[in-house]
Amino acid sequence: MVKNLPHDLSIDLWCLGILCYEFCTGSPPFESNYRKETFKKIIENNVIFPHYLSEEVKDLINRLLDKIPKSRLSLEEVLKHPWIVKYKDYKTE
């Protein structure tokens, strides 16, 4: 979308990756003070993960933020991802 190229529904999976990153860290992965810089970071797709995130969640996010839309996890694959399965029945008291 940033490059103004056609896209399909896999963009929703990319957005899910952005949301997962934000939920886990409290900030977006490509945040910048300037719109142009944010777009540049999105295009470069260089995600920096905080040290406290598990390898499982980093894998999920990386696979959702894949630059190649056809390479992204499908929704079915997301639901079977080890990090999702691990916490699917997690309940807080």
PDB file of N, CA and C in Angstrom:
ATOM      1  N   MET A   1       0.829  -1.189   0.000  1.00  0.00           N
ATOM      2  CA  MET A   1       0.000   0.000   0.000  1.00  0.00           C
ATOM      3  C   MET A   1       0.872   1.252   0.000  1.00  0.00           C
ATOM      4  N   VAL A   2       1.982   1.208   0.722  1.00  0.00           N
ATOM      5  CA  VAL A   2       2.880   2.356   0.804  1.00  0.00           C
ATOM      6  C   VAL A   2       3.464   2.676  -0.573  1.00  0.00           C
ATOM      7  N   LYS A   3       3.730   1.639  -1.351  1.00  0.00           N
ATOM      8  CA  LYS A   3       4.291   1.830  -2.686  1.00  0.00           C
ATOM      9  C   LYS A   3       3.211   2.073  -3.742  1.00  0.00           C
ATOM     10  N   ASN A   4       1.964   2.082  -3.308  1.00  0.00           N
ATOM     11  CA  ASN A   4       0.831   2.299  -4.210  1.00  0.00           C
ATOM     12  C   ASN A   4       0.685   1.183  -5.245  1.00  0.00           C
ATOM     13  N   LEU A   5       1.031  -0.026  -4.854  1.00  0.00           N
ATOM     14  CA  LEU A   5       0.898  -1.189  -5.723  1.00  0.00           C
ATOM     15  C   LEU A   5      -0.389  -1.929  -5.376  1.00  0.00           C
ATOM     16  N   PRO A   6      -0.904  -2.702  -6.312  1.00  0.00           N
ATOM     17  CA  PRO A   6      -2.104  -3.490  -5.992  1.00  0.00           C
ATOM     18  C   PRO A   6      -1.814  -4.457  -4.843  1.00  0.00           C
ATOM     19  N   HIS A   7      -2.833  -4.761  -4.082  1.00  0.00           N
ATOM     20  CA  HIS A   7      -2.677  -5.694  -2.972  1.00  0.00           C
ATOM     21  C   HIS A   7      -3.939  -6.539  -2.848  1.00  0.00           C
ATOM     22  N   ASP A   8      -3.817  -7.609  -2.093  1.00  0.00           N
ATOM     23  CA  ASP A   8      -4.966  -8.489  -1.895  1.00  0.00           C
ATOM     24  C   ASP A   8      -5.266  -8.608  -0.405  1.00  0.00           C
ATOM     25  N   LEU A   9      -6.054  -9.582  -0.044  1.00  0.00           N
ATOM     26  CA  LEU A   9      -6.469  -9.726   1.346  1.00  0.00           C
ATOM     27  C   LEU A   9      -5.319 -10.096   2.286  1.00  0.00           C
ATOM     28  N   SER A  10      -4.185 -10.500   1.743  1.00  0.00           N
ATOM     29  CA  SER A  10      -3.051 -10.831   2.614  1.00  0.00           C
ATOM     30  C   SER A  10      -2.547  -9.590   3.349  1.00  0.00           C
ATOM     31  N   ILE A  11      -2.962  -8.419   2.906  1.00  0.00           N
ATOM     32  CA  ILE A  11      -2.591  -7.187   3.629  1.00  0.00           C
ATOM     33  C   ILE A  11      -3.182  -7.216   5.039  1.00  0.00           C
ATOM     34  N   ASP A  12      -4.315  -7.884   5.201  1.00  0.00           N
ATOM     35  CA  ASP A  12      -4.922  -8.008   6.534  1.00  0.00           C
ATOM     36  C   ASP A  12      -4.026  -8.832   7.459  1.00  0.00           C
ATOM     37  N   LEU A  13      -3.338  -9.830   6.914  1.00  0.00           N
ATOM     38  CA  LEU A  13      -2.422 -10.643   7.711  1.00  0.00           C
ATOM     39  C   LEU A  13      -1.205  -9.818   8.113  1.00  0.00           C
ATOM     40  N   TRP A  14      -0.744  -8.953   7.208  1.00  0.00           N
ATOM     41  CA  TRP A  14       0.356  -8.037   7.528  1.00  0.00           C
ATOM     42  C   TRP A  14      -0.077  -7.122   8.682  1.00  0.00           C
ATOM     43  N   CYS A  15      -1.296  -6.597   8.595  1.00  0.00           N
ATOM     44  CA  CYS A  15      -1.827  -5.735   9.664  1.00  0.00           C
ATOM     45  C   CYS A  15      -1.917  -6.500  10.991  1.00  0.00           C
ATOM     46  N   LEU A  16      -2.260  -7.778  10.929  1.00  0.00           N
ATOM     47  CA  LEU A  16      -2.298  -8.603  12.136  1.00  0.00           C
ATOM     48  C   LEU A  16      -0.904  -8.691  12.759  1.00  0.00           C
ATOM     49  N   GLY A  17       0.117  -8.786  11.920  1.00  0.00           N
ATOM     50  CA  GLY A  17       1.492  -8.791  12.406  1.00  0.00           C
ATOM     51  C   GLY A  17       1.844  -7.488  13.114  1.00  0.00           C
ATOM     52  N   ILE A  18       1.391  -6.375  12.552  1.00  0.00           N
ATOM     53  CA  ILE A  18       1.613  -5.056  13.168  1.00  0.00           C
ATOM     54  C   ILE A  18       0.923  -5.012  14.529  1.00  0.00           C
ATOM     55  N   LEU A  19      -0.323  -5.460  14.574  1.00  0.00           N
ATOM     56  CA  LEU A  19      -1.075  -5.460  15.840  1.00  0.00           C
ATOM     57  C   LEU A  19      -0.421  -6.358  16.883  1.00  0.00           C
ATOM     58  N   CYS A  20       0.038  -7.536  16.470  1.00  0.00           N
ATOM     59  CA  CYS A  20       0.715  -8.440  17.415  1.00  0.00           C
ATOM     60  C   CYS A  20       1.942  -7.757  18.005  1.00  0.00           C
ATOM     61  N   TYR A  21       2.720  -7.098  17.153  1.00  0.00           N
ATOM     62  CA  TYR A  21       3.910  -6.391  17.634  1.00  0.00           C
ATOM     63  C   TYR A  21       3.507  -5.317  18.645  1.00  0.00           C
ATOM     64  N   GLU A  22       2.493  -4.532  18.290  1.00  0.00           N
ATOM     65  CA  GLU A  22       2.040  -3.458  19.184  1.00  0.00           C
ATOM     66  C   GLU A  22       1.503  -3.996  20.503  1.00  0.00           C
ATOM     67  N   PHE A  23       0.726  -5.073  20.455  1.00  0.00           N
ATOM     68  CA  PHE A  23       0.189  -5.656  21.691  1.00  0.00           C
ATOM     69  C   PHE A  23       1.300  -6.171  22.590  1.00  0.00           C
ATOM     70  N   CYS A  24       2.352  -6.697  21.990  1.00  0.00           N
ATOM     71  CA  CYS A  24       3.445  -7.289  22.772  1.00  0.00           C
ATOM     72  C   CYS A  24       4.472  -6.268  23.257  1.00  0.00           C
ATOM     73  N   THR A  25       4.569  -5.131  22.576  1.00  0.00           N
ATOM     74  CA  THR A  25       5.609  -4.160  22.929  1.00  0.00           C
ATOM     75  C   THR A  25       5.072  -2.810  23.387  1.00  0.00           C
ATOM     76  N   GLY A  26       3.858  -2.483  22.994  1.00  0.00           N
ATOM     77  CA  GLY A  26       3.291  -1.182  23.357  1.00  0.00           C
ATOM     78  C   GLY A  26       3.554  -0.088  22.335  1.00  0.00           C
ATOM     79  N   SER A  27       4.255  -0.418  21.257  1.00  0.00           N
ATOM     80  CA  SER A  27       4.488   0.578  20.203  1.00  0.00           C
ATOM     81  C   SER A  27       4.582  -0.116  18.854  1.00  0.00           C
ATOM     82  N   PRO A  28       4.320   0.620  17.762  1.00  0.00           N
ATOM     83  CA  PRO A  28       4.377   0.008  16.434  1.00  0.00           C
ATOM     84  C   PRO A  28       5.812  -0.259  15.986  1.00  0.00           C
ATOM     85  N   PRO A  29       5.996  -1.257  15.124  1.00  0.00           N
ATOM     86  CA  PRO A  29       7.347  -1.638  14.720  1.00  0.00           C
ATOM     87  C   PRO A  29       8.055  -0.635  13.812  1.00  0.00           C
ATOM     88  N   PHE A  30       7.329   0.180  13.106  1.00  0.00           N
ATOM     89  CA  PHE A  30       7.942   1.096  12.144  1.00  0.00           C
ATOM     90  C   PHE A  30       7.742   2.556  12.522  1.00  0.00           C
ATOM     91  N   GLU A  31       7.522   2.799  13.789  1.00  0.00           N
ATOM     92  CA  GLU A  31       7.217   4.150  14.267  1.00  0.00           C
ATOM     93  C   GLU A  31       8.369   5.125  14.015  1.00  0.00           C
ATOM     94  N   SER A  32       8.008   6.334  13.653  1.00  0.00           N
ATOM     95  CA  SER A  32       8.959   7.407  13.435  1.00  0.00           C
ATOM     96  C   SER A  32       8.234   8.733  13.665  1.00  0.00           C
ATOM     97  N   ASN A  33       8.990   9.781  13.865  1.00  0.00           N
ATOM     98  CA  ASN A  33       8.390  11.105  14.040  1.00  0.00           C
ATOM     99  C   ASN A  33       7.931  11.716  12.724  1.00  0.00           C
ATOM    100  N   TYR A  34       8.397  11.139  11.623  1.00  0.00           N
ATOM    101  CA  TYR A  34       8.085  11.692  10.312  1.00  0.00           C
ATOM    102  C   TYR A  34       7.470  10.630   9.414  1.00  0.00           C
ATOM    103  N   ARG A  35       6.431  11.018   8.710  1.00  0.00           N
ATOM    104  CA  ARG A  35       5.689  10.085   7.857  1.00  0.00           C
ATOM    105  C   ARG A  35       6.599   9.433   6.810  1.00  0.00           C
ATOM    106  N   LYS A  36       7.454  10.246   6.180  1.00  0.00           N
ATOM    107  CA  LYS A  36       8.359   9.717   5.154  1.00  0.00           C
ATOM    108  C   LYS A  36       9.289   8.647   5.729  1.00  0.00           C
ATOM    109  N   GLU A  37       9.771   8.886   6.924  1.00  0.00           N
ATOM    110  CA  GLU A  37      10.662   7.931   7.584  1.00  0.00           C
ATOM    111  C   GLU A  37       9.905   6.648   7.946  1.00  0.00           C
ATOM    112  N   THR A  38       8.658   6.799   8.390  1.00  0.00           N
ATOM    113  CA  THR A  38       7.830   5.628   8.686  1.00  0.00           C
ATOM    114  C   THR A  38       7.646   4.789   7.430  1.00  0.00           C
ATOM    115  N   PHE A  39       7.324   5.432   6.306  1.00  0.00           N
ATOM    116  CA  PHE A  39       7.146   4.708   5.043  1.00  0.00           C
ATOM    117  C   PHE A  39       8.436   4.010   4.632  1.00  0.00           C
ATOM    118  N   LYS A  40       9.565   4.671   4.829  1.00  0.00           N
ATOM    119  CA  LYS A  40      10.866   4.079   4.493  1.00  0.00           C
ATOM    120  C   LYS A  40      11.102   2.825   5.335  1.00  0.00           C
ATOM    121  N   LYS A  41      10.795   2.910   6.616  1.00  0.00           N
ATOM    122  CA  LYS A  41      10.967   1.757   7.507  1.00  0.00           C
ATOM    123  C   LYS A  41      10.058   0.601   7.096  1.00  0.00           C
ATOM    124  N   ILE A  42       8.838   0.921   6.675  1.00  0.00           N
ATOM    125  CA  ILE A  42       7.900  -0.118   6.228  1.00  0.00           C
ATOM    126  C   ILE A  42       8.450  -0.811   4.991  1.00  0.00           C
ATOM    127  N   ILE A  43       8.938  -0.029   4.042  1.00  0.00           N
ATOM    128  CA  ILE A  43       9.480  -0.589   2.802  1.00  0.00           C
ATOM    129  C   ILE A  43      10.709  -1.451   3.091  1.00  0.00           C
ATOM    130  N   GLU A  44      11.587  -0.992   3.967  1.00  0.00           N
ATOM    131  CA  GLU A  44      12.785  -1.764   4.320  1.00  0.00           C
ATOM    132  C   GLU A  44      12.432  -3.010   5.127  1.00  0.00           C
ATOM    133  N   ASN A  45      11.333  -2.936   5.866  1.00  0.00           N
ATOM    134  CA  ASN A  45      10.806  -4.071   6.636  1.00  0.00           C
ATOM    135  C   ASN A  45      11.834  -4.639   7.616  1.00  0.00           C
ATOM    136  N   ASN A  46      12.601  -3.757   8.224  1.00  0.00           N
ATOM    137  CA  ASN A  46      13.600  -4.184   9.189  1.00  0.00           C
ATOM    138  C   ASN A  46      13.014  -4.040  10.589  1.00  0.00           C
ATOM    139  N   VAL A  47      12.432  -5.114  11.088  1.00  0.00           N
ATOM    140  CA  VAL A  47      11.778  -5.093  12.391  1.00  0.00           C
ATOM    141  C   VAL A  47      12.815  -5.360  13.483  1.00  0.00           C
ATOM    142  N   ILE A  48      12.880  -4.463  14.453  1.00  0.00           N
ATOM    143  CA  ILE A  48      13.763  -4.625  15.604  1.00  0.00           C
ATOM    144  C   ILE A  48      12.894  -5.087  16.782  1.00  0.00           C
ATOM    145  N   PHE A  49      13.247  -6.208  17.345  1.00  0.00           N
ATOM    146  CA  PHE A  49      12.471  -6.764  18.450  1.00  0.00           C
ATOM    147  C   PHE A  49      13.155  -6.470  19.779  1.00  0.00           C
ATOM    148  N   PRO A  50      12.367  -6.097  20.785  1.00  0.00           N
ATOM    149  CA  PRO A  50      12.943  -5.961  22.133  1.00  0.00           C
ATOM    150  C   PRO A  50      13.445  -7.321  22.615  1.00  0.00           C
ATOM    151  N   HIS A  51      14.437  -7.298  23.488  1.00  0.00           N
ATOM    152  CA  HIS A  51      15.057  -8.526  23.974  1.00  0.00           C
ATOM    153  C   HIS A  51      14.096  -9.437  24.737  1.00  0.00           C
ATOM    154  N   TYR A  52      13.040  -8.864  25.287  1.00  0.00           N
ATOM    155  CA  TYR A  52      12.154  -9.651  26.140  1.00  0.00           C
ATOM    156  C   TYR A  52      11.121 -10.485  25.379  1.00  0.00           C
ATOM    157  N   LEU A  53      11.019 -10.336  24.075  1.00  0.00           N
ATOM    158  CA  LEU A  53      10.057 -11.135  23.319  1.00  0.00           C
ATOM    159  C   LEU A  53      10.617 -12.529  23.068  1.00  0.00           C
ATOM    160  N   SER A  54       9.748 -13.523  23.143  1.00  0.00           N
ATOM    161  CA  SER A  54      10.172 -14.906  22.915  1.00  0.00           C
ATOM    162  C   SER A  54      10.449 -15.135  21.425  1.00  0.00           C
ATOM    163  N   GLU A  55      11.231 -16.166  21.160  1.00  0.00           N
ATOM    164  CA  GLU A  55      11.522 -16.525  19.767  1.00  0.00           C
ATOM    165  C   GLU A  55      10.234 -16.923  19.046  1.00  0.00           C
ATOM    166  N   GLU A  56       9.306 -17.543  19.778  1.00  0.00           N
ATOM    167  CA  GLU A  56       8.037 -17.973  19.169  1.00  0.00           C
ATOM    168  C   GLU A  56       7.231 -16.783  18.659  1.00  0.00           C
ATOM    169  N   VAL A  57       7.089 -15.741  19.466  1.00  0.00           N
ATOM    170  CA  VAL A  57       6.290 -14.592  19.028  1.00  0.00           C
ATOM    171  C   VAL A  57       7.023 -13.812  17.941  1.00  0.00           C
ATOM    172  N   LYS A  58       8.341 -13.756  18.016  1.00  0.00           N
ATOM    173  CA  LYS A  58       9.098 -13.084  16.950  1.00  0.00           C
ATOM    174  C   LYS A  58       8.907 -13.827  15.623  1.00  0.00           C
ATOM    175  N   ASP A  59       8.882 -15.145  15.688  1.00  0.00           N
ATOM    176  CA  ASP A  59       8.643 -15.937  14.481  1.00  0.00           C
ATOM    177  C   ASP A  59       7.267 -15.637  13.896  1.00  0.00           C
ATOM    178  N   LEU A  60       6.253 -15.623  14.745  1.00  0.00           N
ATOM    179  CA  LEU A  60       4.897 -15.320  14.285  1.00  0.00           C
ATOM    180  C   LEU A  60       4.849 -13.956  13.615  1.00  0.00           C
ATOM    181  N   ILE A  61       5.370 -12.953  14.276  1.00  0.00           N
ATOM    182  CA  ILE A  61       5.332 -11.585  13.735  1.00  0.00           C
ATOM    183  C   ILE A  61       6.117 -11.500  12.433  1.00  0.00           C
ATOM    184  N   ASN A  62       7.319 -12.054  12.408  1.00  0.00           N
ATOM    185  CA  ASN A  62       8.122 -12.021  11.172  1.00  0.00           C
ATOM    186  C   ASN A  62       7.409 -12.689  10.010  1.00  0.00           C
ATOM    187  N   ARG A  63       6.739 -13.792  10.282  1.00  0.00           N
ATOM    188  CA  ARG A  63       6.054 -14.519   9.209  1.00  0.00           C
ATOM    189  C   ARG A  63       4.794 -13.800   8.747  1.00  0.00           C
ATOM    190  N   LEU A  64       4.211 -12.985   9.597  1.00  0.00           N
ATOM    191  CA  LEU A  64       3.064 -12.164   9.187  1.00  0.00           C
ATOM    192  C   LEU A  64       3.510 -10.910   8.446  1.00  0.00           C
ATOM    193  N   LEU A  65       4.689 -10.403   8.784  1.00  0.00           N
ATOM    194  CA  LEU A  65       5.195  -9.185   8.150  1.00  0.00           C
ATOM    195  C   LEU A  65       6.069  -9.472   6.930  1.00  0.00           C
ATOM    196  N   ASP A  66       6.040 -10.686   6.433  1.00  0.00           N
ATOM    197  CA  ASP A  66       6.831 -11.042   5.252  1.00  0.00           C
ATOM    198  C   ASP A  66       6.507 -10.082   4.107  1.00  0.00           C
ATOM    199  N   LYS A  67       7.556  -9.598   3.437  1.00  0.00           N
ATOM    200  CA  LYS A  67       7.378  -8.666   2.310  1.00  0.00           C
ATOM    201  C   LYS A  67       6.604  -9.296   1.164  1.00  0.00           C
ATOM    202  N   ILE A  68       6.757 -10.590   1.012  1.00  0.00           N
ATOM    203  CA  ILE A  68       6.102 -11.287  -0.104  1.00  0.00           C
ATOM    204  C   ILE A  68       4.741 -11.789   0.382  1.00  0.00           C
ATOM    205  N   PRO A  69       3.668 -11.165  -0.106  1.00  0.00           N
ATOM    206  CA  PRO A  69       2.321 -11.513   0.383  1.00  0.00           C
ATOM    207  C   PRO A  69       2.003 -13.004   0.352  1.00  0.00           C
ATOM    208  N   LYS A  70       2.407 -13.698  -0.688  1.00  0.00           N
ATOM    209  CA  LYS A  70       2.096 -15.135  -0.798  1.00  0.00           C
ATOM    210  C   LYS A  70       2.883 -15.972   0.203  1.00  0.00           C
ATOM    211  N   SER A  71       3.926 -15.398   0.786  1.00  0.00           N
ATOM    212  CA  SER A  71       4.740 -16.117   1.771  1.00  0.00           C
ATOM    213  C   SER A  71       4.240 -15.936   3.202  1.00  0.00           C
ATOM    214  N   ARG A  72       3.330 -15.011   3.406  1.00  0.00           N
ATOM    215  CA  ARG A  72       2.812 -14.774   4.761  1.00  0.00           C
ATOM    216  C   ARG A  72       1.997 -15.970   5.235  1.00  0.00           C
ATOM    217  N   LEU A  73       1.954 -16.126   6.546  1.00  0.00           N
ATOM    218  CA  LEU A  73       1.101 -17.164   7.111  1.00  0.00           C
ATOM    219  C   LEU A  73      -0.347 -16.918   6.714  1.00  0.00           C
ATOM    220  N   SER A  74      -1.074 -17.978   6.471  1.00  0.00           N
ATOM    221  CA  SER A  74      -2.518 -17.857   6.277  1.00  0.00           C
ATOM    222  C   SER A  74      -3.171 -17.755   7.654  1.00  0.00           C
ATOM    223  N   LEU A  75      -4.418 -17.383   7.698  1.00  0.00           N
ATOM    224  CA  LEU A  75      -5.121 -17.307   8.978  1.00  0.00           C
ATOM    225  C   LEU A  75      -5.161 -18.686   9.640  1.00  0.00           C
ATOM    226  N   GLU A  76      -5.342 -19.720   8.836  1.00  0.00           N
ATOM    227  CA  GLU A  76      -5.353 -21.082   9.375  1.00  0.00           C
ATOM    228  C   GLU A  76      -4.000 -21.420  10.001  1.00  0.00           C
ATOM    229  N   GLU A  77      -2.916 -20.999   9.351  1.00  0.00           N
ATOM    230  CA  GLU A  77      -1.580 -21.256   9.886  1.00  0.00           C
ATOM    231  C   GLU A  77      -1.323 -20.443  11.153  1.00  0.00           C
ATOM    232  N   VAL A  78      -1.867 -19.240  11.203  1.00  0.00           N
ATOM    233  CA  VAL A  78      -1.736 -18.416  12.413  1.00  0.00           C
ATOM    234  C   VAL A  78      -2.358 -19.138  13.593  1.00  0.00           C
ATOM    235  N   LEU A  79      -3.545 -19.688  13.378  1.00  0.00           N
ATOM    236  CA  LEU A  79      -4.251 -20.376  14.463  1.00  0.00           C
ATOM    237  C   LEU A  79      -3.513 -21.628  14.941  1.00  0.00           C
ATOM    238  N   LYS A  80      -2.634 -22.184  14.100  1.00  0.00           N
ATOM    239  CA  LYS A  80      -1.859 -23.376  14.461  1.00  0.00           C
ATOM    240  C   LYS A  80      -0.435 -23.033  14.897  1.00  0.00           C
ATOM    241  N   HIS A  81      -0.086 -21.758  14.859  1.00  0.00           N
ATOM    242  CA  HIS A  81       1.281 -21.363  15.216  1.00  0.00           C
ATOM    243  C   HIS A  81       1.538 -21.698  16.685  1.00  0.00           C
ATOM    244  N   PRO A  82       2.740 -22.189  17.019  1.00  0.00           N
ATOM    245  CA  PRO A  82       3.039 -22.594  18.402  1.00  0.00           C
ATOM    246  C   PRO A  82       2.775 -21.520  19.454  1.00  0.00           C
ATOM    247  N   TRP A  83       3.035 -20.263  19.151  1.00  0.00           N
ATOM    248  CA  TRP A  83       2.807 -19.203  20.138  1.00  0.00           C
ATOM    249  C   TRP A  83       1.320 -19.005  20.404  1.00  0.00           C
ATOM    250  N   ILE A  84       0.504 -19.098  19.365  1.00  0.00           N
ATOM    251  CA  ILE A  84      -0.952 -18.968  19.522  1.00  0.00           C
ATOM    252  C   ILE A  84      -1.494 -20.171  20.286  1.00  0.00           C
ATOM    253  N   VAL A  85      -1.084 -21.358  19.879  1.00  0.00           N
ATOM    254  CA  VAL A  85      -1.558 -22.586  20.531  1.00  0.00           C
ATOM    255  C   VAL A  85      -1.191 -22.578  22.014  1.00  0.00           C
ATOM    256  N   LYS A  86       0.015 -22.115  22.314  1.00  0.00           N
ATOM    257  CA  LYS A  86       0.496 -22.090  23.680  1.00  0.00           C
ATOM    258  C   LYS A  86      -0.395 -21.246  24.607  1.00  0.00           C
ATOM    259  N   TYR A  87      -0.942 -20.160  24.068  1.00  0.00           N
ATOM    260  CA  TYR A  87      -1.717 -19.228  24.901  1.00  0.00           C
ATOM    261  C   TYR A  87      -3.210 -19.182  24.584  1.00  0.00           C
ATOM    262  N   LYS A  88      -3.698 -20.063  23.739  1.00  0.00           N
ATOM    263  CA  LYS A  88      -5.097 -19.978  23.319  1.00  0.00           C
ATOM    264  C   LYS A  88      -6.079 -20.151  24.472  1.00  0.00           C
ATOM    265  N   ASP A  89      -5.723 -20.928  25.480  1.00  0.00           N
ATOM    266  CA  ASP A  89      -6.621 -21.153  26.607  1.00  0.00           C
ATOM    267  C   ASP A  89      -6.195 -20.368  27.853  1.00  0.00           C
ATOM    268  N   TYR A  90      -5.310 -19.399  27.668  1.00  0.00           N
ATOM    269  CA  TYR A  90      -4.818 -18.611  28.794  1.00  0.00           C
ATOM    270  C   TYR A  90      -5.942 -17.775  29.375  1.00  0.00           C
ATOM    271  N   LYS A  91      -6.081 -17.845  30.690  1.00  0.00           N
ATOM    272  CA  LYS A  91      -7.139 -17.072  31.369  1.00  0.00           C
ATOM    273  C   LYS A  91      -6.506 -16.253  32.479  1.00  0.00           C
ATOM    274  N   THR A  92      -6.950 -15.033  32.614  1.00  0.00           N
ATOM    275  CA  THR A  92      -6.494 -14.203  33.735  1.00  0.00           C
ATOM    276  C   THR A  92      -7.550 -14.240  34.816  1.00  0.00           C
ATOM    277  N   GLU A  93      -7.120 -14.051  36.028  1.00  0.00           N
ATOM    278  CA  GLU A  93      -8.087 -14.075  37.134  1.00  0.00           C
ATOM    279  C   GLU A  93      -8.400 -12.692  37.613  1.00  0.00           C
TER     280      GLU A  93
END
